[in-house]
Amino acid sequence: MEKMEMEQIMKKAEVLIEALPYIQKFNRKIIVVKYGGSAMSNEELQRNVIKDVTLLKLVGFKPIIVHGGGKAISKWVEKAGKEPKFVNGLRVTDEETMEIAEMVLGRVNKNLVAMVEELGVRAVGLSGKDGGMLTVTKKLADGMDIGYVGEVKKVDPKVIYDLLEKDFLPIIAPIGMDEECSTYNINADDAACAIAKAVGADKLVFLTDVEGLYRDFQDKSSFISRLSASQAEELIGGGMIGGGMLPKLSNCTSAIHGGVNRVHILDGRIPHCLLLEIFTDHGIGTAIVADDDPHILD
C-alpha cells in the first residue's frame, strides 16, 4: 500500500475517532432539524442534507425533520396567476393560497420521505394536522390579519413519539388546524421550535442561507460561534439583529427556555454542515446554549 493511500485511510480513521464521543453522548437523543431555504431548492444540497440526517439516525440519534417550502409555494402561487405577498416575512395566505401551500408542502414532504427511504431508513411524512399534532390560533402581523397563518398554541407529540418508538424518521410539514379544524400555514421556524420544546429535544438545528450569527453582518470578523440565551436576548433587545435573523434568534432563545439543550444556526448551503457541526470539535455555525451550560462537548 502506498504511503499517500495509507495517510488517507488514517485521516478517515481520525475523523471517526473524533466523532466517537459525540456519538456516545447523543445516542438515543432527539434532534429536530428545520430544513428549508436554498439548501432545499438545490437537488445536490438536498441530498446531502438527507444523507446527514439519515446518518444521524443510523448512528443512534432520533432525528425529526420539520421542513419549509416557501420558494416552491411562491412559484405555484405565481403559476395560479397570483402575486406572492408578505408582511414582516409572513406570507399573506388567503383561502386559495392556503390550498396551494398545502398541496406544495405535501409534495415536498413525500419527496423527502422518498429520499430517506432510498437510503435504507424508514420515514413517515405527515403534517401538523395529523393526530392533532399542531393546534393554532390566527397569527397577526403588526395587528394586520394576513389570512390563514397560524401561531402554534398547543403541540400534541404523541404521534411523533409513536413513530420514534417504532424506529421511523418523522418528516413534518408546517401545517396545523385551529379549534374549528380550519387549516393554517405555519412558519416552519415556529413549528420546529414548538415541536422541539414539546418532545424535549436535545438539539434544534436551523439550516439557513447564512453562515450563522454576526454582531455586524457587514463585518465578517464579528461572527459569533457560541453565545448564551441571555446574550442572544441582549442582542435582540439592543436592536443589533435585524431582518430575518431576528425572529429566528427569538425562536432559538424560546427553545432554550423551553428545555432544548442547544440550538444551532447553520449554513445549509455548505455540504454536510450538519455533520461538521455535531461531530467535530470546533463546528462551523453558531450555537446558542443555556446560561448555565457547563461548556462541555457540543
Protein backbone atom coordinates (compact mmCIF):
# COMPACT_ATOMS: atom_id res chain seq x y z
CA MET A 1 0.00 0.00 0.00
CA GLU A 2 1.37 3.40 -0.99
CA LYS A 3 2.17 5.99 1.68
CA MET A 4 -0.36 8.50 0.33
CA GLU A 5 -3.13 5.90 0.34
CA MET A 6 -2.26 4.92 3.91
CA GLU A 7 -2.37 8.58 5.02
CA GLN A 8 -5.85 8.97 3.52
CA ILE A 9 -7.06 5.89 5.37
CA MET A 10 -5.57 7.20 8.63
CA LYS A 11 -7.30 10.55 8.17
CA LYS A 12 -10.63 8.76 7.79
CA ALA A 13 -9.92 6.85 10.99
CA GLU A 14 -9.08 10.10 12.81
CA VAL A 15 -12.38 11.62 11.72
CA LEU A 16 -14.28 8.62 13.06
CA ILE A 17 -12.39 8.75 16.36
CA GLU A 18 -13.13 12.48 16.70
CA ALA A 19 -16.82 11.76 16.19
CA LEU A 20 -16.95 8.92 18.72
CA PRO A 21 -17.53 10.97 21.92
CA TYR A 22 -20.33 12.91 20.22
CA ILE A 23 -21.97 9.69 19.04
CA GLN A 24 -21.76 8.33 22.58
CA LYS A 25 -23.12 11.50 24.15
CA PHE A 26 -26.12 11.91 21.86
CA ASN A 27 -27.06 8.27 21.46
CA ARG A 28 -30.89 7.98 21.58
CA LYS A 29 -31.25 11.76 21.94
CA ILE A 30 -33.83 13.65 19.89
CA ILE A 31 -32.60 16.24 17.39
CA VAL A 32 -35.03 18.44 15.44
CA VAL A 33 -33.76 19.74 12.09
CA LYS A 34 -35.58 22.65 10.48
CA TYR A 35 -34.87 22.35 6.79
CA GLY A 36 -35.59 25.00 4.16
CA GLY A 37 -34.06 27.85 2.19
CA SER A 38 -31.56 27.44 -0.64
CA ALA A 39 -30.46 24.02 0.57
CA MET A 40 -33.93 22.80 -0.33
CA SER A 41 -34.01 24.24 -3.86
CA ASN A 42 -30.69 22.69 -4.92
CA GLU A 43 -31.00 18.93 -5.54
CA GLU A 44 -27.39 18.11 -4.65
CA LEU A 45 -27.54 20.05 -1.38
CA GLN A 46 -30.92 18.48 -0.67
CA ARG A 47 -29.46 15.01 -0.97
CA ASN A 48 -26.51 15.98 1.23
CA VAL A 49 -28.86 17.17 3.98
CA ILE A 50 -30.90 13.99 3.78
CA LYS A 51 -27.72 11.90 3.88
CA ASP A 52 -26.62 13.78 7.01
CA VAL A 53 -29.93 13.25 8.79
CA THR A 54 -30.02 9.60 7.73
CA LEU A 55 -26.52 9.07 9.09
CA LEU A 56 -27.56 10.63 12.40
CA LYS A 57 -30.40 8.12 12.53
CA LEU A 58 -28.14 5.18 11.74
CA VAL A 59 -25.59 6.04 14.47
CA GLY A 60 -28.22 6.25 17.19
CA PHE A 61 -29.78 9.71 17.12
CA LYS A 62 -33.54 10.23 16.92
CA PRO A 63 -33.86 12.92 14.24
CA ILE A 64 -37.05 14.74 13.28
CA ILE A 65 -37.21 16.89 10.15
CA VAL A 66 -39.51 19.93 10.03
CA HIS A 67 -39.39 21.37 6.53
CA GLY A 68 -40.42 24.51 4.75
CA GLY A 69 -41.08 25.07 1.08
CA GLY A 70 -41.61 28.79 0.69
CA LYS A 71 -39.88 29.18 -2.67
CA ALA A 72 -41.86 26.32 -4.19
CA ILE A 73 -45.10 27.74 -2.79
CA SER A 74 -44.35 31.16 -4.31
CA LYS A 75 -43.65 29.54 -7.68
CA TRP A 76 -47.01 27.75 -7.72
CA VAL A 77 -48.85 30.82 -6.44
CA GLU A 78 -47.46 32.71 -9.45
CA LYS A 79 -48.49 29.87 -11.78
CA ALA A 80 -52.01 30.30 -10.44
CA GLY A 81 -51.88 33.92 -11.59
CA LYS A 82 -51.45 35.43 -8.13
CA GLU A 83 -48.65 37.58 -6.75
CA PRO A 84 -46.98 36.28 -3.57
CA LYS A 85 -47.34 38.85 -0.79
CA PHE A 86 -45.51 39.07 2.54
CA VAL A 87 -45.87 41.19 5.66
CA ASN A 88 -42.91 41.14 8.07
CA GLY A 89 -41.67 37.95 6.42
CA LEU A 90 -45.03 36.17 6.79
CA ARG A 91 -46.91 35.04 3.70
CA VAL A 92 -50.30 36.62 3.20
CA THR A 93 -52.41 33.47 2.90
CA ASP A 94 -55.93 33.66 1.54
CA GLU A 95 -58.03 30.53 1.04
CA GLU A 96 -56.66 29.79 -2.43
CA THR A 97 -53.06 30.36 -1.34
CA MET A 98 -53.62 28.03 1.62
CA GLU A 99 -54.79 25.29 -0.74
CA ILE A 100 -51.69 25.78 -2.91
CA ALA A 101 -49.38 25.80 0.14
CA GLU A 102 -50.83 22.56 1.47
CA MET A 103 -50.53 20.90 -1.93
CA VAL A 104 -46.92 22.02 -2.42
CA LEU A 105 -45.80 21.17 1.12
CA GLY A 106 -47.38 17.73 0.76
CA ARG A 107 -45.40 17.14 -2.42
CA VAL A 108 -42.15 18.35 -0.81
CA ASN A 109 -42.87 16.15 2.19
CA LYS A 110 -43.25 12.95 0.19
CA ASN A 111 -40.16 13.73 -1.92
CA LEU A 112 -38.12 13.93 1.29
CA VAL A 113 -39.63 10.68 2.51
CA ALA A 114 -38.59 9.00 -0.74
CA MET A 115 -35.02 10.28 -0.40
CA VAL A 116 -34.73 8.90 3.14
CA GLU A 117 -36.28 5.57 2.17
CA GLU A 118 -33.84 5.32 -0.74
CA LEU A 119 -31.00 5.39 1.79
CA GLY A 120 -32.45 2.47 3.72
CA VAL A 121 -34.12 4.29 6.61
CA ARG A 122 -37.86 4.11 7.25
CA ALA A 123 -39.55 7.51 7.21
CA VAL A 124 -43.10 8.77 7.61
CA GLY A 125 -44.29 12.08 6.19
CA LEU A 126 -47.05 13.97 7.96
CA SER A 127 -48.27 17.46 8.73
CA GLY A 128 -49.25 19.16 11.95
CA LYS A 129 -52.86 18.25 11.16
CA ASP A 130 -52.15 14.53 11.69
CA GLY A 131 -53.05 13.28 15.13
CA GLY A 132 -53.93 16.82 16.18
CA MET A 133 -50.22 17.50 16.45
CA LEU A 134 -50.28 21.28 15.95
CA THR A 135 -53.22 23.35 17.17
CA VAL A 136 -53.02 27.00 16.17
CA THR A 137 -54.64 30.37 16.54
CA LYS A 138 -54.64 33.08 13.88
CA LYS A 139 -51.33 34.93 13.75
CA LEU A 140 -51.37 38.67 13.07
CA ALA A 141 -48.60 40.77 11.52
CA ASP A 142 -48.38 44.06 13.44
CA GLY A 143 -52.09 43.76 14.14
CA MET A 144 -52.90 43.02 10.49
CA ASP A 145 -54.97 40.00 9.51
CA ILE A 146 -52.92 38.14 6.88
CA GLY A 147 -55.25 35.21 6.42
CA TYR A 148 -54.64 31.57 7.23
CA VAL A 149 -51.34 31.99 9.04
CA GLY A 150 -51.16 30.13 12.32
CA GLU A 151 -49.49 30.69 15.67
CA VAL A 152 -48.81 27.39 17.43
CA LYS A 153 -50.98 27.24 20.54
CA LYS A 154 -50.53 23.60 21.52
CA VAL A 155 -48.42 20.61 20.45
CA ASP A 156 -49.56 17.03 20.97
CA PRO A 157 -46.39 14.98 20.35
CA LYS A 158 -47.96 11.53 20.76
CA VAL A 159 -47.82 10.63 17.05
CA ILE A 160 -44.16 11.76 16.94
CA TYR A 161 -43.25 9.63 19.96
CA ASP A 162 -45.07 6.65 18.44
CA LEU A 163 -43.07 6.97 15.21
CA LEU A 164 -39.74 7.36 17.04
CA GLU A 165 -40.52 4.32 19.19
CA LYS A 166 -41.20 2.27 16.06
CA ASP A 167 -37.85 3.43 14.62
CA PHE A 168 -39.30 5.74 11.94
CA LEU A 169 -37.88 9.12 10.99
CA PRO A 170 -40.74 11.67 11.15
CA ILE A 171 -40.79 14.34 8.42
CA ILE A 172 -43.26 17.11 9.26
CA ALA A 173 -44.85 19.80 7.08
CA PRO A 174 -45.70 23.02 8.97
CA ILE A 175 -49.48 22.98 8.64
CA GLY A 176 -51.90 22.99 11.56
CA MET A 177 -55.56 23.41 12.47
CA ASP A 178 -57.43 25.72 14.80
CA GLU A 179 -60.14 24.63 17.24
CA GLU A 180 -62.71 24.68 14.40
CA CYS A 181 -60.46 22.42 12.26
CA SER A 182 -59.68 25.15 9.72
CA THR A 183 -56.29 24.69 8.06
CA TYR A 184 -53.45 27.16 8.62
CA ASN A 185 -49.96 27.63 7.23
CA ILE A 186 -47.28 27.91 9.94
CA ASN A 187 -43.86 29.50 9.70
CA ALA A 188 -41.52 26.49 9.60
CA ASP A 189 -39.15 28.01 12.17
CA ASP A 190 -42.06 28.48 14.59
CA ALA A 191 -43.25 24.93 14.02
CA ALA A 192 -39.77 23.45 14.54
CA CYS A 193 -39.29 25.44 17.75
CA ALA A 194 -42.67 24.36 19.16
CA ILE A 195 -42.08 20.70 18.27
CA ALA A 196 -38.55 20.71 19.72
CA LYS A 197 -39.86 22.02 23.04
CA ALA A 198 -42.76 19.57 23.11
CA VAL A 199 -40.59 16.47 22.53
CA GLY A 200 -37.77 17.62 24.82
CA ALA A 201 -35.23 17.68 22.01
CA ASP A 202 -31.58 17.76 22.97
CA LYS A 203 -30.78 19.84 19.88
CA LEU A 204 -32.66 22.08 17.48
CA VAL A 205 -30.87 22.90 14.23
CA PHE A 206 -31.89 25.68 11.83
CA LEU A 207 -30.46 25.23 8.33
CA THR A 208 -30.37 28.74 6.86
CA ASP A 209 -28.89 30.75 3.99
CA VAL A 210 -26.23 32.44 6.16
CA GLU A 211 -23.12 31.14 7.91
CA GLY A 212 -24.52 31.87 11.35
CA LEU A 213 -24.87 34.90 13.60
CA TYR A 214 -22.87 38.13 13.25
CA ARG A 215 -22.80 41.17 15.52
CA ASP A 216 -22.47 43.15 12.30
CA PHE A 217 -23.34 41.21 9.15
CA GLN A 218 -21.12 43.51 7.06
CA ASP A 219 -18.12 42.68 9.28
CA LYS A 220 -17.22 39.02 8.81
CA SER A 221 -14.80 39.20 11.76
CA SER A 222 -17.81 39.73 14.07
CA PHE A 223 -19.01 36.14 13.64
CA ILE A 224 -20.35 34.59 16.85
CA SER A 225 -19.70 30.86 17.17
CA ARG A 226 -21.32 30.47 20.58
CA LEU A 227 -23.47 32.54 22.94
CA SER A 228 -25.86 32.04 25.83
CA ALA A 229 -29.60 32.61 25.68
CA SER A 230 -29.19 35.78 27.78
CA GLN A 231 -26.53 37.13 25.45
CA ALA A 232 -28.82 36.41 22.50
CA GLU A 233 -31.67 38.30 24.19
CA GLU A 234 -29.34 41.25 24.78
CA LEU A 235 -28.56 41.33 21.06
CA ILE A 236 -32.28 41.22 20.25
CA GLY A 237 -33.14 43.91 22.79
CA GLY A 238 -30.25 46.11 21.71
CA GLY A 239 -31.51 46.29 18.16
CA MET A 240 -28.26 44.77 16.85
CA ILE A 241 -30.02 41.97 14.98
CA GLY A 242 -32.40 42.64 12.14
CA GLY A 243 -34.07 41.16 9.11
CA GLY A 244 -34.96 37.50 9.00
CA MET A 245 -32.47 36.62 11.73
CA LEU A 246 -34.47 38.43 14.43
CA PRO A 247 -37.45 36.03 14.60
CA LYS A 248 -35.07 33.07 14.14
CA LEU A 249 -32.96 34.15 17.11
CA SER A 250 -36.13 34.71 19.15
CA ASN A 251 -37.12 31.13 18.37
CA CYS A 252 -33.65 29.99 19.48
CA THR A 253 -33.96 31.62 22.90
CA SER A 254 -37.55 30.39 23.24
CA ALA A 255 -36.38 26.83 22.57
CA ILE A 256 -33.60 27.09 25.17
CA HIS A 257 -36.02 28.42 27.79
CA GLY A 258 -38.41 25.62 26.79
CA GLY A 259 -35.88 22.95 27.73
CA VAL A 260 -33.97 22.35 24.50
CA ASN A 261 -30.31 21.83 25.37
CA ARG A 262 -28.71 23.59 22.41
CA VAL A 263 -29.80 25.37 19.28
CA HIS A 264 -27.60 25.62 16.19
CA ILE A 265 -27.80 28.04 13.26
CA LEU A 266 -26.02 26.57 10.24
CA ASP A 267 -25.50 27.47 6.61
CA GLY A 268 -27.44 24.78 4.76
CA ARG A 269 -25.59 25.64 1.55
CA ILE A 270 -22.40 24.08 2.96
CA PRO A 271 -22.29 20.37 2.11
CA HIS A 272 -22.65 18.19 5.21
CA CYS A 273 -22.82 21.20 7.53
CA LEU A 274 -24.91 19.18 9.98
CA LEU A 275 -22.21 16.55 10.44
CA LEU A 276 -19.46 19.16 10.64
CA GLU A 277 -21.29 21.00 13.43
CA ILE A 278 -22.25 17.98 15.50
CA PHE A 279 -19.34 15.59 15.03
CA THR A 280 -16.27 17.87 15.06
CA ASP A 281 -14.50 19.67 17.89
CA HIS A 282 -14.96 23.19 16.50
CA GLY A 283 -18.14 23.17 14.42
CA ILE A 284 -18.94 25.70 11.71
CA GLY A 285 -22.07 27.59 12.78
CA THR A 286 -23.49 29.45 15.75
CA ALA A 287 -24.58 27.57 18.87
CA ILE A 288 -27.00 29.08 21.41
CA VAL A 289 -26.78 27.44 24.83
CA ALA A 290 -28.38 27.78 28.25
CA ASP A 291 -26.91 30.32 30.65
CA ASP A 292 -25.73 27.55 32.97
CA ASP A 293 -24.21 25.46 30.19
CA PRO A 294 -21.10 23.73 31.57
CA HIS A 295 -19.16 24.23 28.31
CA ILE A 296 -18.85 20.53 27.64
CA LEU A 297 -18.75 18.81 24.27
CA ASP A 298 -21.03 20.20 21.56
